[in-house]
Structure formats: structure tokens, C-alpha cells
Protein backbone atom coordinates (compact mmCIF):
# COMPACT_ATOMS: atom_id res chain seq x y z
CA MET A 1 103.35 101.92 145.92
CA THR A 2 100.53 104.18 146.82
CA ILE A 3 98.63 103.16 150.34
CA HIS A 4 95.56 104.74 151.04
CA CYS A 5 94.75 103.34 154.36
CA ALA A 6 97.24 100.72 155.82
CA GLY A 7 96.15 97.62 157.98
CA LEU A 8 97.28 95.69 160.74
CA THR A 9 95.60 93.16 163.43
CA ALA A 10 96.67 93.75 167.00
CA GLU A 11 96.89 92.38 170.14
CA TYR A 12 99.07 95.26 172.02
CA ASN A 13 99.45 93.39 175.62
CA PRO A 14 100.94 95.90 176.00
CA PHE A 15 101.87 98.47 173.16
CA HIS A 16 105.51 98.04 173.54
CA ASN A 17 108.28 99.43 171.89
CA GLY A 18 108.75 96.50 169.14
CA HIS A 19 105.04 97.69 168.18
CA ALA A 20 106.11 101.39 167.87
CA ARG A 21 109.13 100.22 165.96
CA GLN A 22 106.94 98.41 163.60
CA LEU A 23 104.61 101.57 163.24
CA ALA A 24 108.05 103.22 162.46
CA MET A 25 109.18 100.95 159.66
CA LEU A 26 106.00 101.12 157.91
CA ARG A 27 106.07 105.01 157.05
CA GLU A 28 109.31 104.99 156.50
CA GLN A 29 108.73 102.82 153.83
CA TYR A 30 105.54 104.04 152.46
CA GLY A 31 105.08 107.38 154.07
CA ASP A 32 103.18 108.95 156.42
CA VAL A 33 100.06 106.85 155.62
CA PRO A 34 97.06 106.22 158.03
CA VAL A 35 96.88 103.05 159.86
CA THR A 36 93.68 101.02 160.82
CA ALA A 37 94.34 98.21 164.12
CA VAL A 38 91.89 95.39 164.65
CA LEU A 39 92.79 94.54 167.76
CA SER A 40 91.50 91.87 170.37
CA GLY A 41 89.10 92.92 172.72
CA SER A 42 88.42 91.55 176.30
CA PHE A 43 90.72 87.97 175.12
CA ILE A 44 93.75 86.84 173.33
CA GLN A 45 94.52 84.05 170.99
CA HIS A 46 96.14 82.53 173.31
CA GLY A 47 93.16 81.61 175.16
CA GLU A 48 93.71 84.32 178.28
CA PRO A 49 92.02 87.94 179.50
CA ALA A 50 93.91 90.45 178.11
CA LEU A 51 96.52 92.19 180.81
CA LEU A 52 94.76 95.63 180.12
CA ASP A 53 90.91 96.73 179.28
CA LYS A 54 90.01 96.65 175.47
CA TRP A 55 90.26 100.66 175.41
CA THR A 56 92.77 101.20 177.49
CA ARG A 57 94.70 99.30 174.82
CA ALA A 58 93.39 100.78 172.27
CA ALA A 59 93.49 104.40 173.76
CA ALA A 60 97.64 103.21 174.47
CA ALA A 61 97.84 102.53 170.72
CA VAL A 62 96.23 105.70 169.18
CA ASP A 63 98.59 107.60 171.97
CA CYS A 64 101.39 105.90 170.01
CA GLY A 65 100.86 106.65 166.32
CA VAL A 66 97.80 104.26 165.09
CA ASP A 67 94.88 106.72 163.78
CA LEU A 68 91.57 104.06 164.18
CA VAL A 69 91.67 101.12 166.53
CA LEU A 70 88.64 98.39 165.68
CA GLU A 71 87.70 95.68 168.19
CA LEU A 72 88.28 91.81 166.87
CA PRO A 73 85.08 90.49 168.05
CA VAL A 74 85.38 87.71 170.65
CA LEU A 75 84.39 85.28 167.92
CA HIS A 76 87.81 85.32 166.56
CA SER A 77 90.11 86.16 169.29
CA LEU A 78 89.04 82.55 171.22
CA ARG A 79 89.70 80.70 168.10
CA SER A 80 92.99 78.62 166.53
CA ALA A 81 95.43 81.36 164.25
CA ASP A 82 93.46 80.30 161.46
CA PHE A 83 89.80 82.05 162.35
CA PHE A 84 91.70 84.79 164.32
CA ALA A 85 93.34 85.61 161.24
CA ALA A 86 90.36 85.21 158.74
CA GLY A 87 88.22 87.72 161.17
CA GLY A 88 90.96 90.24 161.25
CA MET A 89 91.72 90.15 157.49
CA ALA A 90 87.85 90.59 156.79
CA ALA A 91 87.31 93.15 159.74
CA LEU A 92 90.11 95.45 157.88
CA ALA A 93 88.17 94.19 153.58
CA ALA A 94 84.93 95.38 155.40
CA THR A 95 86.38 98.79 156.38
CA GLY A 96 85.92 99.59 152.47
CA ILE A 97 89.22 102.15 153.14
CA THR A 98 92.11 99.40 153.62
CA ASP A 99 93.69 98.03 150.81
CA TYR A 100 97.18 96.76 152.07
CA ALA A 101 97.36 94.80 155.26
CA PHE A 102 101.10 94.13 157.31
CA CYS A 103 102.18 92.08 159.35
CA GLY A 104 105.52 91.55 161.04
CA VAL A 105 108.03 88.24 160.86
CA GLU A 106 110.78 87.35 161.97
CA GLY A 107 113.93 84.85 161.93
CA LEU A 108 113.70 85.50 158.28
CA GLY A 109 115.95 88.92 157.53
CA ARG A 110 115.68 92.36 157.20
CA GLY A 111 117.26 93.65 154.21
CA ASP A 112 114.79 93.88 150.86
CA THR A 113 115.59 90.89 149.11
CA ASP A 114 115.65 88.88 152.60
CA MET A 115 111.85 90.36 152.74
CA GLU A 116 110.88 89.38 149.53
CA ARG A 117 111.73 86.16 149.57
CA ALA A 118 110.14 85.66 152.70
CA GLY A 119 106.84 86.92 150.98
CA ARG A 120 106.73 85.14 147.78
CA LEU A 121 107.26 81.58 150.18
CA ILE A 122 104.76 82.49 152.75
CA LYS A 123 102.48 83.43 149.71
CA ASP A 124 103.52 80.22 147.72
CA THR A 125 103.30 77.93 151.28
CA ALA A 126 99.75 79.55 151.91
CA LEU A 127 98.58 78.71 148.61
CA PHE A 128 99.53 74.82 149.27
CA LEU A 129 97.64 75.13 152.51
CA ARG A 130 94.25 76.11 150.40
CA SER A 131 95.30 73.01 148.36
CA PRO A 132 93.01 69.89 148.49
CA GLU A 133 96.52 68.30 148.77
CA GLY A 134 97.60 70.45 151.36
CA ASN A 135 94.26 69.91 153.28
CA GLU A 136 94.81 65.73 152.69
CA ALA A 137 98.30 66.40 154.52
CA LEU A 138 96.69 68.40 157.66
CA ARG A 139 94.45 65.46 158.01
CA ARG A 140 96.95 62.41 158.07
CA PHE A 141 98.74 64.04 160.66
CA LEU A 142 95.68 65.04 162.74
CA ARG A 143 94.63 61.27 162.77
CA GLU A 144 98.38 60.42 163.98
CA GLY A 145 97.28 62.26 166.96
CA GLU A 146 99.39 65.95 165.96
CA SER A 147 97.76 69.26 167.45
CA TYR A 148 96.37 71.31 164.76
CA GLY A 149 99.90 73.46 165.86
CA THR A 150 102.20 70.49 164.76
CA ALA A 151 100.39 69.00 162.00
CA TRP A 152 100.39 72.06 160.14
CA GLU A 153 103.97 72.65 160.54
CA LYS A 154 104.79 68.95 159.39
CA ALA A 155 103.02 69.31 156.18
CA VAL A 156 104.65 72.65 155.78
CA ARG A 157 108.09 70.56 156.07
CA ALA A 158 107.01 67.56 153.59
CA TYR A 159 106.02 70.02 150.96
CA ARG A 160 108.62 72.74 151.34
CA PRO A 161 111.26 72.37 153.41
CA GLU A 162 112.92 75.28 152.84
CA ALA A 163 109.73 76.66 154.13
CA ALA A 164 110.95 75.20 157.68
CA PRO A 165 112.26 79.06 158.98
CA LEU A 166 108.33 80.12 158.80
CA LEU A 167 107.32 77.77 161.53
CA LYS A 168 109.33 79.16 164.13
CA GLY A 169 107.72 81.89 165.09
CA SER A 170 103.84 82.36 166.28
CA ASN A 171 104.23 86.00 163.91
CA ASN A 172 105.17 83.98 161.04
CA ILE A 173 102.22 81.06 161.50
CA LEU A 174 100.29 84.40 162.09
CA ALA A 175 101.63 85.60 158.84
CA LEU A 176 100.65 82.14 156.68
CA ALA A 177 97.08 82.26 158.16
CA TYR A 178 96.90 86.12 156.63
CA GLU A 179 97.65 85.28 153.27
CA LYS A 180 95.50 81.83 153.25
CA ALA A 181 92.54 83.95 154.69
CA ILE A 182 92.71 86.64 151.94
CA GLY A 183 93.20 84.02 149.18
CA GLN A 184 90.22 81.28 150.77
CA TYR A 185 87.93 84.30 150.85
CA GLY A 186 88.48 86.48 148.09
CA LEU A 187 89.33 89.75 150.52
CA PRO A 188 90.58 92.72 148.02
CA LEU A 189 93.72 93.59 150.63
CA THR A 190 97.22 92.77 149.76
CA LEU A 191 99.65 91.49 152.89
CA HIS A 192 103.33 93.10 152.66
CA PHE A 193 105.92 92.00 155.83
CA LEU A 194 107.77 93.90 158.16
CA PRO A 195 110.58 92.26 160.04
CA ARG A 196 109.95 92.03 163.52
CA LEU A 197 112.62 93.05 165.95
CA GLY A 198 113.64 92.69 169.15
CA GLU A 199 113.10 89.43 171.47
CA GLY A 200 111.09 86.68 170.23
CA TYR A 201 107.24 86.40 171.29
CA THR A 202 107.55 83.53 173.77
CA SER A 203 110.96 85.33 174.95
CA THR A 204 110.47 85.71 178.85
CA GLU A 205 113.12 87.80 179.53
CA LEU A 206 112.90 92.09 180.05
CA VAL A 207 115.34 93.00 177.77
CA PRO A 208 115.14 96.91 176.61
CA PRO A 209 114.58 98.63 174.43
CA CYS A 210 112.06 95.63 172.62
CA ALA A 211 111.08 93.39 175.40
CA SER A 212 108.48 90.84 173.93
CA ALA A 213 104.70 91.33 175.37
CA SER A 214 105.23 88.36 177.16
CA ALA A 215 108.39 89.50 178.94
CA ILE A 216 106.74 92.51 179.93
CA ARG A 217 103.31 90.65 181.54
CA ARG A 218 105.69 87.90 183.45
CA PHE A 219 107.63 90.71 184.93
CA LEU A 220 104.49 92.30 186.08
CA GLU A 221 102.91 88.66 187.52
CA SER A 222 105.87 88.12 189.10
CA GLY A 223 106.41 90.96 190.98
CA GLY A 224 106.90 93.75 189.26
CA ALA A 225 103.24 94.91 189.45
CA THR A 226 104.15 97.27 192.44
CA GLY A 227 103.77 100.92 191.17
CA SER A 228 107.16 102.11 192.34
CA THR A 229 109.76 104.14 191.03
CA ALA A 230 111.80 100.62 189.96
CA THR A 231 108.62 99.18 188.12
CA GLU A 232 108.37 102.41 186.72
CA GLN A 233 111.78 102.57 185.25
CA ALA A 234 111.86 99.19 184.21
CA LEU A 235 108.43 99.90 182.25
CA ALA A 236 109.89 103.01 180.68
CA GLY A 237 113.02 100.83 179.05
CA VAL A 238 110.76 98.78 176.98
CA LEU A 239 106.86 101.14 176.90
CA PRO A 240 107.27 103.84 174.69
CA ALA A 241 106.07 106.70 176.88
CA PRO A 242 102.19 107.47 176.32
CA SER A 243 101.67 103.42 176.79
CA ALA A 244 103.73 103.67 180.14
CA ALA A 245 101.77 105.92 181.76
CA ARG A 246 98.68 103.92 181.08
CA LEU A 247 99.66 100.47 182.12
CA THR A 248 101.95 102.64 185.05
CA ALA A 249 98.18 104.70 186.01
CA ALA A 250 96.32 101.24 186.01
CA LEU A 251 98.74 100.20 188.17
CA HIS A 252 98.50 103.06 190.86
CA GLY A 253 94.42 102.51 190.31
CA ASP A 254 93.80 105.64 189.33
CA ALA A 255 90.48 106.02 188.62
CA PRO A 256 88.98 107.61 185.43
CA ARG A 257 88.04 111.44 185.07
CA ARG A 258 84.37 110.20 183.22
CA ARG A 259 82.49 106.74 183.47
CA SER A 260 82.84 107.22 179.95
CA ASP A 261 86.72 107.27 180.37
CA ALA A 262 89.04 104.23 179.91
CA PRO A 263 88.76 102.11 183.11
CA GLU A 264 91.95 101.47 182.87
CA LEU A 265 91.52 98.25 184.75
CA MET A 266 94.71 96.04 185.50
CA ASP A 267 95.32 92.74 187.43
CA THR A 268 98.39 91.69 186.99
CA ARG A 269 97.91 88.03 189.66
CA PRO A 270 97.40 84.51 187.64
CA PHE A 271 93.72 84.62 186.67
CA GLY A 272 93.72 80.85 186.39
CA ASP A 273 92.35 80.32 190.19
CA ARG A 274 89.83 82.57 189.32
CA LEU A 275 88.67 80.23 186.19
CA ALA A 276 88.59 77.26 188.37
CA VAL A 277 86.27 78.33 190.34
CA LEU A 278 83.77 79.63 187.56
CA LEU A 279 85.01 76.17 185.70
CA ALA A 280 83.90 74.32 188.87
CA TYR A 281 80.50 75.93 189.06
CA PHE A 282 79.62 75.18 185.32
CA PHE A 283 80.87 71.21 185.42
CA ALA A 284 78.08 71.24 188.81
CA LEU A 285 75.80 72.87 186.41
CA HIS A 286 75.85 70.37 183.50
CA GLY A 287 76.58 66.98 182.66
CA ALA A 288 79.40 65.25 180.25
CA THR A 289 76.97 65.59 176.99
CA ASP A 290 76.34 69.30 177.28
CA LEU A 291 80.04 70.48 176.51
CA TYR A 292 80.08 69.61 172.70
CA GLY A 293 77.49 71.36 172.38
CA LEU A 294 78.77 74.76 174.02
CA CYS A 295 81.96 75.13 172.76
CA ASN A 296 84.27 74.04 169.23
CA ALA A 297 85.85 70.87 170.75
CA ASP A 298 86.05 67.52 169.78
CA ALA A 299 83.94 64.78 171.77
CA GLY A 300 87.23 63.82 172.89
CA LEU A 301 88.29 66.96 174.47
CA CYS A 302 84.79 67.48 175.46
CA ALA A 303 84.89 64.12 177.47
CA ARG A 304 88.75 64.91 178.63
CA LEU A 305 87.78 68.13 180.29
CA TYR A 306 84.41 66.52 181.93
CA ASN A 307 86.16 63.86 183.40
CA ALA A 308 89.40 65.77 185.22
CA ARG A 309 86.52 68.33 186.98
CA GLY A 310 88.12 66.72 190.34
CA ALA A 311 91.33 68.34 189.66
CA LEU A 312 89.91 72.04 189.56
CA GLN A 313 90.13 70.94 193.74
CA ASP A 314 93.61 71.57 193.61
CA GLY A 315 93.67 74.41 191.49
CA TRP A 316 94.10 75.81 187.93
CA GLN A 317 97.28 74.19 187.28
CA ALA A 318 96.47 71.02 188.61
CA TYR A 319 93.72 70.65 185.96
CA LEU A 320 95.92 71.54 183.02
CA ARG A 321 98.73 69.05 183.63
CA ALA A 322 95.08 66.81 183.44
CA VAL A 323 93.93 67.00 180.62
CA VAL A 324 97.18 69.05 178.68
CA THR A 325 97.80 66.64 176.40
CA LYS A 326 100.44 66.80 173.03
CA ARG A 327 97.22 67.19 170.87
CA TYR A 328 95.28 69.62 173.14
CA ALA A 329 97.79 72.12 174.37
CA ALA A 330 97.22 74.59 177.34
CA PRO A 331 95.98 77.63 175.14
CA VAL A 332 93.43 75.43 173.41
CA ILE A 333 92.73 74.53 176.85
CA HIS A 334 91.96 77.86 177.86
CA ARG A 335 90.11 78.78 174.71
CA VAL A 336 87.45 75.87 175.16
CA CYS A 337 87.02 76.39 178.46
CA LEU A 338 86.35 80.28 178.53
CA MET A 339 84.22 79.07 175.19
CA LEU A 340 82.01 77.33 177.60
CA LEU A 341 81.64 79.69 180.25
CA PHE A 342 79.64 82.44 177.24
CA GLY A 343 77.05 79.80 177.69
CA LEU A 344 76.42 80.13 173.65
CA PRO A 345 75.62 77.51 171.43
CA ARG A 346 78.37 75.15 168.88
CA SER A 347 76.72 76.92 166.27
CA PHE A 348 78.04 79.92 166.97
CA TRP A 349 81.48 78.98 167.78
CA THR A 350 81.72 77.22 164.73
CA ARG A 351 80.29 79.41 162.47
CA GLU A 352 82.87 80.60 159.40
CA PRO A 353 84.70 84.79 159.82
CA ARG A 354 82.92 87.39 158.10
CA PRO A 355 82.49 90.75 159.19
CA GLY A 356 79.14 91.74 161.61
CA CYS A 357 79.41 95.33 162.72
CA LEU A 358 82.40 97.21 162.96
CA ARG A 359 83.11 98.44 166.39
CA VAL A 360 85.20 101.81 167.19
CA LEU A 361 87.51 101.24 170.44
CA ALA A 362 89.45 104.56 169.86
CA PHE A 363 90.94 106.90 167.00
CA ASN A 364 92.31 110.24 166.70
CA GLU A 365 91.61 113.64 163.97
CA ARG A 366 93.31 111.19 161.14
CA GLY A 367 91.01 108.74 162.49
CA ARG A 368 87.94 110.57 162.71
CA ALA A 369 88.26 110.99 159.11
CA LEU A 370 88.62 107.46 158.41
CA LEU A 371 85.45 107.19 159.90
CA LYS A 372 83.77 109.55 158.05
CA ALA A 373 85.35 107.56 155.11
CA MET A 374 84.33 104.57 155.96
CA LYS A 375 80.63 105.65 156.40
CA GLN A 376 80.56 105.74 153.13
CA LYS A 377 82.24 102.77 151.74
CA ALA A 378 82.04 99.99 154.76
CA SER A 379 80.87 97.13 153.64
CA ALA A 380 79.38 96.71 157.03
CA PRO A 381 78.03 98.70 159.58
CA VAL A 382 80.08 101.32 162.29
CA LEU A 383 79.30 101.53 165.43
CA THR A 384 80.53 103.76 168.06
CA LYS A 385 77.67 103.60 170.82
CA ALA A 386 76.95 100.16 172.31
CA ALA A 387 73.33 101.95 172.97
CA ASP A 388 72.89 102.15 169.29
CA ALA A 389 73.18 98.45 168.63
CA ALA A 390 69.23 98.24 169.28
CA GLN A 391 68.64 99.07 165.66
CA TYR A 392 70.41 96.37 164.39
CA ARG A 393 68.44 93.54 166.92
CA ASP A 394 67.27 91.40 163.48
CA ALA A 395 70.73 91.17 162.07
CA ASP A 396 72.29 87.65 161.41
CA TRP A 397 76.02 89.39 163.36
CA TYR A 398 73.88 90.91 166.11
CA PRO A 399 74.57 87.68 168.79
CA GLU A 400 78.35 88.02 167.53
CA LEU A 401 78.00 91.51 169.86
CA LEU A 402 76.32 90.24 172.20
CA ALA A 403 79.24 88.11 172.96
CA ASP A 404 81.64 90.84 172.91
CA PHE A 405 79.84 92.49 175.87
CA ARG A 406 79.44 89.25 177.34
CA ALA A 407 83.71 89.14 176.71
CA THR A 408 83.75 92.27 178.65
CA ASP A 409 81.85 91.23 181.74
CA LEU A 410 84.21 87.62 182.21
CA TRP A 411 87.28 89.78 181.52
CA CYS A 412 86.00 91.56 184.58
CA GLN A 413 85.84 88.68 186.77
CA LEU A 414 88.90 86.89 185.89
CA ARG A 415 90.56 90.01 186.66
CA GLY A 416 89.51 90.60 189.95
CA PHE A 417 86.93 93.32 189.12
CA THR A 418 83.71 90.88 191.18
CA GLY A 419 80.43 91.96 190.20
CA VAL A 420 81.76 95.34 187.76
CA SER A 421 79.62 94.73 184.36
CA GLY A 422 77.93 96.65 181.70
CA LEU A 423 80.88 98.75 180.77
CA ASP A 424 80.27 98.38 177.06
CA TYR A 425 77.11 100.46 178.02
CA THR A 426 79.60 103.18 179.93
CA VAL A 427 82.50 103.20 178.26
CA SER A 428 83.18 105.67 175.03
CA PRO A 429 85.55 104.86 172.29
CA TYR A 430 88.68 106.81 173.00
CA TYR A 431 89.64 110.55 171.28
CA GLY A 432 92.84 111.02 171.29
CA GLY A 433 92.67 114.67 169.77
């Protein structure tokens, strides 16, 4: 099989040894192929501001073997797995140079036979989820009060009990969503699967060499963010050296050499209470009926969020306890509350996934060649400088780009960099030559 360019979607929050191993496995199996990654920008799909700014995470990815990093618009990164996946796949397809997409799966074996069986099962299950029968099963469980994720799981279990292992990991859910998006939108991509190594996505134990990103973030948030030798040694055990170096530089607060460099901004303190302050002010300015028009949530959740606003006096965790239910899990609450702060209409947050522009965050010499090819073959504009966006003011995707700029500003406030704004206009894509 000849691969011209392999594609990935990622969050790299932060880039760890498991990610490095995924790249190594890809190239062990398919040769030294160029790799393009579509990276969540300022916010990850669980509805949280990323640990590090998007340019630093993209630069770490290039330093560790990715050739080109493009930004996944916040329109997709702040929505459910279906839309996150569809946005990533649409961006890869729009490059015009990516023919195969890759993703990790977990708990399904590591041998060729196991992976082939997993691939067939995922493709068949994704086909069911796109069918009228699958949609009706999903709606039935939603009417019974289940969350979207649980309704999806129950629909799949009823259809194919042997597909139950697919539902045990976040990576597997995304694999299903990727395959579903490729079929639903007729994208010219073939999805391949790689075994996910190390601790599970939600593991909180810092176990070398392949600790999860969640475990690394928890380590930093619970006292590991000291910049001490012990912290650096712990990070060196779970991160590739270039990624560890960038994260350590951010911990030390080392300033970039130029305004155009990746800013290496990071604040590991919990962001929730900063979000609570911004949200309390939002509720002071808006009435209950305003919420529905500013997010993608249903009317019931909007009413719940507004009616519980008094709990914000006791902080973010108190507010979460007041609004989280079986149907509305914490990531859903996170995503909707962040949407409200953007001040964008409901029509923005409910639009179908489609490629707008392809925003470049980082690349190396081979990535430069990919960019040259993209400018000939891409079905969407390739944007390397924010200043160049002005020529696209009349494009229907222009509001999506402005939302990404707004997302960076909001990220700065939530991560403790009060008053910092406009980074999209000053920071250049990282070149790892």
C-alpha cells in the first residue's frame, strides 16, 4: 500500500511517549511517510482550555516527528465526538494530499489479525450508526433520558453485542466517529487503526514510559508544576525529550526570543474558578431566554444552567454539582458554558462540519513540501498568517476563523494570562528546520 501522506487528529495535551510510539508504529508498518496532524487549538474536546498554548503544542509535535500541524477550528473542538471527528476528517480531506487517516484503538489486541477484526467491526458498526435503524435506536434511548454517549453505547450493544469492547475507551469511540464521518460526508479517506499503548486515556497514574495525558496534567495540577529537578525527571520519564523541554520551559516561564515565537504559555492551576467569574458576569448581563440562542444546548439544559447560577458564588465545582446530571455530563456542561462566553449565535454552533480554511500552526522541511503541494491541490485556502485573512472577509467560513482568534483570547484569560490578547496576529507558525 502506497501512502502519499498520513493524517491524524490529535490534542497533544501534552505530546507524550504514547504519541511518539504511535508515530513510530505508523512508520514501521508503512514506511517513512510524511504525517499531517489536525490539532485542537485552544480548547480540547472535553471542554477545557488546553494545558499549553496551541503553537507550543504544535511545535512539540513537529519536534517529535509530525511534519505538518493544522488547527482544528474551535467550532469542532468544542462539540461532541461526532463533530470533533467530522471536523478533523474534513480538514484532512481538504488538504488534497492526505489519502489515509490513522487513529489509535485500545483493548482490542495488537496483532495483525486482531487489528483487522477490530477494523471490520468498527466499519460495520459505523455503518449501523449512520443508518435509519441506528438513528432511531439512538433517539429512543435519548427519549429515555440517557446522555448522548450512553444512548450511543446502548444502541450499539443492542445491535452488535460483540462490539461492546469498542465502547470501553475514548479512542475507540472516536474511531467509530471517524469512520462514521468518512461515510456520512463521502470523504476521500481510508481509515486505518493502530493499537494504543500504555495507560488508558482517563488514567490518573503517572506510570512511565507511557502515562496518559490526563495523568500528566493531574501530576502538574496537584503539585508537580514546580520547575524543580524532581519534576523535570518525572516528565522526562513520560515525554519525549523535545516535548519535555518545551513543557519545562513553560514551567520556568522562559520568555520567547521574539514576539513571533511560540509563546510557551502554561498555567497548571485549575481554570474552573476563573471560568466561574466570567460565567457569573455573563449571567448578570443575560436573561434565561438568551442562552438558547448562544449555544447548541437544548432548552432544558439552558434553563438548568441559568437557574443554578447562584451556585457560582461557591465556585466552579459547586456549580458543576448543581447542574451535572445523568444526561448532562461534566464535559457537556464545560463545552456549553464556554460557548456562551463567545457571544456567537446558535446558528454558528449548530452548523454542519465542513472545511473552511486550513490554518497552519507548525511544520518542518518535509512539511514545507506538503504545504507547497497543498497550495496546488487543497479544496480550502491555506492560511499561514492571520493578517492574510482579511482578503477572505466575504467567505462564509470567515466567522469560524474569527472564533478561533477569540478562542485564543479566552484561553489566555482562563489560563491566568489576564489582559493578554491578539496572539494569533503576532505568533508565526513554528518552523522546525
